[in-house]
Amino acid sequence: MPQLTREGVVFVLRWDDGENRFRDDSIRAWSTALDEVEAAEGPKALVTTGAGKFYSNGLDLEWALRERKESFAEYVLEVLALLAARLPGQTVHEVIATGRRYGGGDAKAAGIVEETLPEAALLPRALELASGLAGKAHPVMKRLKSDLYPFVLAALRQRQSLEG
């Protein structure tokens, strides 16, 4: 399950459960961690990280077909609305249609990541960038981000309404 720690003004959400696949339990854990970060007072930023060379192995379709047989379509749509809201359209299509995995350079070219570095340098660089942005965790910035990413927020709200 994802584990949340705090390093100064930066929260670090580490996802290292061996497979890093989206299942109900991991999605709930992500939501809980994000709620904790949002509720924290003062300047803050968030860095998320996977383990080793994989951030995520995506949807667990075998699990979903077995465990969410009755609500399989909802499960897929919950994750697809977020992918479509956050990644470029061509990248979403390729991920869904082919299950392609992206290495660092390809992920940057596809608009998934903004920067690539050797693995040992990733977290220190992410912490450096996030620390510099933590002071911008202000209601005005929250509003600007919500206006910038309305589809992401709509997808998250849709997920919440599906959960009841």
C-alpha atoms as a PDB file:
ATOM      1  CA  MET A   1       0.000   0.000   0.000  1.00  0.00           C
ATOM      2  CA  PRO A   2       1.118   3.563  -0.537  1.00  0.00           C
ATOM      3  CA  GLN A   3       2.875   5.010   2.520  1.00  0.00           C
ATOM      4  CA  LEU A   4       2.902   8.694   3.330  1.00  0.00           C
ATOM      5  CA  THR A   5       5.814  10.391   5.095  1.00  0.00           C
ATOM      6  CA  ARG A   6       6.782  14.008   5.499  1.00  0.00           C
ATOM      7  CA  GLU A   7      10.190  15.540   4.866  1.00  0.00           C
ATOM      8  CA  GLY A   8       9.964  19.167   5.952  1.00  0.00           C
ATOM      9  CA  VAL A   9       7.299  20.855   3.849  1.00  0.00           C
ATOM     10  CA  VAL A  10       7.180  17.966   1.374  1.00  0.00           C
ATOM     11  CA  PHE A  11       4.968  14.915   1.758  1.00  0.00           C
ATOM     12  CA  VAL A  12       6.301  11.807   0.018  1.00  0.00           C
ATOM     13  CA  LEU A  13       3.830   9.136  -1.034  1.00  0.00           C
ATOM     14  CA  ARG A  14       5.726   5.913  -1.758  1.00  0.00           C
ATOM     15  CA  TRP A  15       3.925   3.208  -3.666  1.00  0.00           C
ATOM     16  CA  ASP A  16       5.822  -0.052  -3.274  1.00  0.00           C
ATOM     17  CA  ASP A  17       3.544  -3.055  -2.921  1.00  0.00           C
ATOM     18  CA  GLY A  18       5.472  -5.213  -5.353  1.00  0.00           C
ATOM     19  CA  GLU A  19       3.196  -4.728  -8.334  1.00  0.00           C
ATOM     20  CA  ASN A  20       1.880  -1.182  -7.941  1.00  0.00           C
ATOM     21  CA  ARG A  21      -1.419  -1.987  -9.624  1.00  0.00           C
ATOM     22  CA  PHE A  22      -4.657  -0.093  -9.282  1.00  0.00           C
ATOM     23  CA  ARG A  23      -7.069  -2.129  -7.182  1.00  0.00           C
ATOM     24  CA  ASP A  24      -9.753  -0.962  -4.776  1.00  0.00           C
ATOM     25  CA  ASP A  25      -7.467  -1.179  -1.740  1.00  0.00           C
ATOM     26  CA  SER A  26      -4.655   0.817  -3.353  1.00  0.00           C
ATOM     27  CA  ILE A  27      -7.074   3.419  -4.720  1.00  0.00           C
ATOM     28  CA  ARG A  28      -8.597   3.849  -1.231  1.00  0.00           C
ATOM     29  CA  ALA A  29      -5.111   4.166   0.289  1.00  0.00           C
ATOM     30  CA  TRP A  30      -4.191   6.832  -2.269  1.00  0.00           C
ATOM     31  CA  SER A  31      -7.381   8.744  -1.475  1.00  0.00           C
ATOM     32  CA  THR A  32      -6.733   8.582   2.269  1.00  0.00           C
ATOM     33  CA  ALA A  33      -3.167   9.826   1.833  1.00  0.00           C
ATOM     34  CA  LEU A  34      -4.245  12.661  -0.453  1.00  0.00           C
ATOM     35  CA  ASP A  35      -6.905  13.710   2.063  1.00  0.00           C
ATOM     36  CA  GLU A  36      -4.220  13.828   4.773  1.00  0.00           C
ATOM     37  CA  VAL A  37      -1.978  16.026   2.636  1.00  0.00           C
ATOM     38  CA  GLU A  38      -4.840  18.335   1.751  1.00  0.00           C
ATOM     39  CA  ALA A  39      -5.830  18.712   5.412  1.00  0.00           C
ATOM     40  CA  ALA A  40      -2.290  19.581   6.556  1.00  0.00           C
ATOM     41  CA  GLU A  41      -1.754  23.183   7.598  1.00  0.00           C
ATOM     42  CA  GLY A  42       0.874  25.495   6.194  1.00  0.00           C
ATOM     43  CA  PRO A  43       3.143  25.299   3.173  1.00  0.00           C
ATOM     44  CA  LYS A  44       3.218  21.844   1.623  1.00  0.00           C
ATOM     45  CA  ALA A  45       3.924  19.925  -1.532  1.00  0.00           C
ATOM     46  CA  LEU A  46       3.552  16.307  -2.588  1.00  0.00           C
ATOM     47  CA  VAL A  47       5.949  13.937  -4.334  1.00  0.00           C
ATOM     48  CA  THR A  48       4.733  10.497  -5.392  1.00  0.00           C
ATOM     49  CA  THR A  49       7.098   7.686  -6.221  1.00  0.00           C
ATOM     50  CA  GLY A  50       6.981   4.059  -7.250  1.00  0.00           C
ATOM     51  CA  ALA A  51       9.583   1.410  -6.554  1.00  0.00           C
ATOM     52  CA  GLY A  52      12.538   0.493  -8.681  1.00  0.00           C
ATOM     53  CA  LYS A  53      12.033   1.199 -12.332  1.00  0.00           C
ATOM     54  CA  PHE A  54       8.224   1.080 -12.342  1.00  0.00           C
ATOM     55  CA  TYR A  55       5.943   3.770 -11.039  1.00  0.00           C
ATOM     56  CA  SER A  56       2.839   1.741 -11.773  1.00  0.00           C
ATOM     57  CA  ASN A  57       1.882  -1.425 -13.592  1.00  0.00           C
ATOM     58  CA  GLY A  58      -1.556   0.045 -14.268  1.00  0.00           C
ATOM     59  CA  LEU A  59      -4.917  -1.630 -13.963  1.00  0.00           C
ATOM     60  CA  ASP A  60      -5.108  -5.132 -12.568  1.00  0.00           C
ATOM     61  CA  LEU A  61      -7.571  -6.503 -15.102  1.00  0.00           C
ATOM     62  CA  GLU A  62      -7.364 -10.113 -13.897  1.00  0.00           C
ATOM     63  CA  TRP A  63      -8.202  -9.007 -10.355  1.00  0.00           C
ATOM     64  CA  ALA A  64     -10.986  -6.729 -11.577  1.00  0.00           C
ATOM     65  CA  LEU A  65     -12.592  -9.419 -13.729  1.00  0.00           C
ATOM     66  CA  ARG A  66     -12.544 -11.761 -10.741  1.00  0.00           C
ATOM     67  CA  GLU A  67     -13.329  -9.384  -7.854  1.00  0.00           C
ATOM     68  CA  ARG A  68     -15.340  -6.662  -9.546  1.00  0.00           C
ATOM     69  CA  LYS A  69     -17.163  -8.734 -12.106  1.00  0.00           C
ATOM     70  CA  GLU A  70     -20.449  -6.922 -11.458  1.00  0.00           C
ATOM     71  CA  SER A  71     -18.848  -3.465 -11.516  1.00  0.00           C
ATOM     72  CA  PHE A  72     -15.975  -4.054 -13.941  1.00  0.00           C
ATOM     73  CA  ALA A  73     -17.054  -1.255 -16.283  1.00  0.00           C
ATOM     74  CA  GLU A  74     -17.151   1.228 -13.389  1.00  0.00           C
ATOM     75  CA  TYR A  75     -13.657   0.190 -12.301  1.00  0.00           C
ATOM     76  CA  VAL A  76     -12.237   0.764 -15.769  1.00  0.00           C
ATOM     77  CA  LEU A  77     -14.084   4.061 -16.195  1.00  0.00           C
ATOM     78  CA  GLU A  78     -12.870   5.331 -12.813  1.00  0.00           C
ATOM     79  CA  VAL A  79      -9.269   4.969 -13.891  1.00  0.00           C
ATOM     80  CA  LEU A  80      -9.785   5.896 -17.572  1.00  0.00           C
ATOM     81  CA  ALA A  81     -11.512   9.340 -16.596  1.00  0.00           C
ATOM     82  CA  LEU A  82      -8.290  10.141 -14.538  1.00  0.00           C
ATOM     83  CA  LEU A  83      -5.891   8.986 -17.318  1.00  0.00           C
ATOM     84  CA  ALA A  84      -7.770  10.942 -19.951  1.00  0.00           C
ATOM     85  CA  ALA A  85      -7.862  14.016 -17.750  1.00  0.00           C
ATOM     86  CA  ARG A  86      -4.145  14.059 -16.963  1.00  0.00           C
ATOM     87  CA  LEU A  87      -2.301  12.589 -19.965  1.00  0.00           C
ATOM     88  CA  PRO A  88      -2.194  13.734 -23.578  1.00  0.00           C
ATOM     89  CA  GLY A  89      -4.867  12.053 -25.723  1.00  0.00           C
ATOM     90  CA  GLN A  90      -2.466  10.111 -27.936  1.00  0.00           C
ATOM     91  CA  THR A  91      -0.658   8.773 -24.870  1.00  0.00           C
ATOM     92  CA  VAL A  92      -3.923   7.638 -23.257  1.00  0.00           C
ATOM     93  CA  HIS A  93      -4.877   5.865 -26.473  1.00  0.00           C
ATOM     94  CA  GLU A  94      -1.545   4.080 -26.683  1.00  0.00           C
ATOM     95  CA  VAL A  95      -1.593   3.056 -23.009  1.00  0.00           C
ATOM     96  CA  ILE A  96      -5.117   1.677 -23.273  1.00  0.00           C
ATOM     97  CA  ALA A  97      -4.855   0.068 -26.696  1.00  0.00           C
ATOM     98  CA  THR A  98      -1.430  -1.523 -26.304  1.00  0.00           C
ATOM     99  CA  GLY A  99      -0.582  -1.601 -22.594  1.00  0.00           C
ATOM    100  CA  ARG A 100       2.735  -0.020 -23.526  1.00  0.00           C
ATOM    101  CA  ARG A 101       5.287   0.592 -20.809  1.00  0.00           C
ATOM    102  CA  TYR A 102       7.333   3.759 -21.033  1.00  0.00           C
ATOM    103  CA  GLY A 103      10.994   4.170 -20.159  1.00  0.00           C
ATOM    104  CA  GLY A 104      12.231   7.565 -18.981  1.00  0.00           C
ATOM    105  CA  GLY A 105      12.977   9.173 -22.340  1.00  0.00           C
ATOM    106  CA  ASP A 106       9.801   7.848 -23.943  1.00  0.00           C
ATOM    107  CA  ALA A 107       7.738   8.970 -20.935  1.00  0.00           C
ATOM    108  CA  LYS A 108       9.119  12.478 -21.306  1.00  0.00           C
ATOM    109  CA  ALA A 109       8.435  12.533 -25.039  1.00  0.00           C
ATOM    110  CA  ALA A 110       4.872  11.311 -24.413  1.00  0.00           C
ATOM    111  CA  GLY A 111       4.153  14.034 -21.840  1.00  0.00           C
ATOM    112  CA  ILE A 112       3.937  11.657 -18.867  1.00  0.00           C
ATOM    113  CA  VAL A 113       6.927  13.130 -17.017  1.00  0.00           C
ATOM    114  CA  GLU A 114       8.689  16.477 -17.201  1.00  0.00           C
ATOM    115  CA  GLU A 115      12.243  15.403 -16.446  1.00  0.00           C
ATOM    116  CA  THR A 116      14.327  12.221 -16.508  1.00  0.00           C
ATOM    117  CA  LEU A 117      17.296  11.416 -14.295  1.00  0.00           C
ATOM    118  CA  PRO A 118      19.205   8.378 -13.050  1.00  0.00           C
ATOM    119  CA  GLU A 119      17.130   6.555 -10.426  1.00  0.00           C
ATOM    120  CA  ALA A 120      19.365   7.588  -7.507  1.00  0.00           C
ATOM    121  CA  ALA A 121      18.905  11.277  -8.387  1.00  0.00           C
ATOM    122  CA  LEU A 122      15.118  11.220  -8.858  1.00  0.00           C
ATOM    123  CA  LEU A 123      13.868  11.582  -5.297  1.00  0.00           C
ATOM    124  CA  PRO A 124      16.415  14.231  -4.262  1.00  0.00           C
ATOM    125  CA  ARG A 125      15.532  16.261  -7.377  1.00  0.00           C
ATOM    126  CA  ALA A 126      11.797  15.836  -6.788  1.00  0.00           C
ATOM    127  CA  LEU A 127      12.200  16.951  -3.162  1.00  0.00           C
ATOM    128  CA  GLU A 128      14.201  19.968  -4.306  1.00  0.00           C
ATOM    129  CA  LEU A 129      11.549  20.996  -6.834  1.00  0.00           C
ATOM    130  CA  ALA A 130       8.659  20.348  -4.451  1.00  0.00           C
ATOM    131  CA  SER A 131      10.302  22.268  -1.588  1.00  0.00           C
ATOM    132  CA  GLY A 132      10.530  25.299  -3.834  1.00  0.00           C
ATOM    133  CA  LEU A 133       6.832  25.047  -4.662  1.00  0.00           C
ATOM    134  CA  ALA A 134       5.510  24.327  -1.159  1.00  0.00           C
ATOM    135  CA  GLY A 135       5.104  28.020  -0.356  1.00  0.00           C
ATOM    136  CA  LYS A 136       2.622  28.268  -3.198  1.00  0.00           C
ATOM    137  CA  ALA A 137       0.193  25.919  -1.419  1.00  0.00           C
ATOM    138  CA  HIS A 138      -2.247  28.737  -0.911  1.00  0.00           C
ATOM    139  CA  PRO A 139      -5.995  29.011  -1.542  1.00  0.00           C
ATOM    140  CA  VAL A 140      -5.334  31.145  -4.625  1.00  0.00           C
ATOM    141  CA  MET A 141      -3.031  28.469  -6.091  1.00  0.00           C
ATOM    142  CA  LYS A 142      -5.584  25.800  -5.230  1.00  0.00           C
ATOM    143  CA  ARG A 143      -8.157  27.759  -7.227  1.00  0.00           C
ATOM    144  CA  LEU A 144      -5.783  28.246 -10.150  1.00  0.00           C
ATOM    145  CA  LYS A 145      -5.006  24.517 -10.250  1.00  0.00           C
ATOM    146  CA  SER A 146      -8.667  23.576 -10.038  1.00  0.00           C
ATOM    147  CA  ASP A 147      -9.379  25.899 -12.961  1.00  0.00           C
ATOM    148  CA  LEU A 148      -6.400  24.497 -14.882  1.00  0.00           C
ATOM    149  CA  TYR A 149      -7.391  20.843 -14.362  1.00  0.00           C
ATOM    150  CA  PRO A 150     -11.210  20.810 -14.302  1.00  0.00           C
ATOM    151  CA  PHE A 151     -11.388  17.383 -15.961  1.00  0.00           C
ATOM    152  CA  VAL A 152      -9.175  15.817 -13.294  1.00  0.00           C
ATOM    153  CA  LEU A 153     -11.398  17.219 -10.558  1.00  0.00           C
ATOM    154  CA  ALA A 154     -14.538  16.075 -12.372  1.00  0.00           C
ATOM    155  CA  ALA A 155     -13.072  12.566 -12.655  1.00  0.00           C
ATOM    156  CA  LEU A 156     -12.208  12.510  -8.941  1.00  0.00           C
ATOM    157  CA  ARG A 157     -15.679  13.738  -8.011  1.00  0.00           C
ATOM    158  CA  GLN A 158     -17.228  11.083 -10.242  1.00  0.00           C
ATOM    159  CA  ARG A 159     -15.196   8.430  -8.425  1.00  0.00           C
ATOM    160  CA  GLN A 160     -16.370   9.729  -5.061  1.00  0.00           C
ATOM    161  CA  SER A 161     -20.002   9.605  -6.158  1.00  0.00           C
ATOM    162  CA  LEU A 162     -19.575   6.026  -7.416  1.00  0.00           C
ATOM    163  CA  GLU A 163     -18.189   5.013  -4.013  1.00  0.00           C
ATOM    164  CA  GLY A 164     -21.269   6.416  -2.303  1.00  0.00           C
END
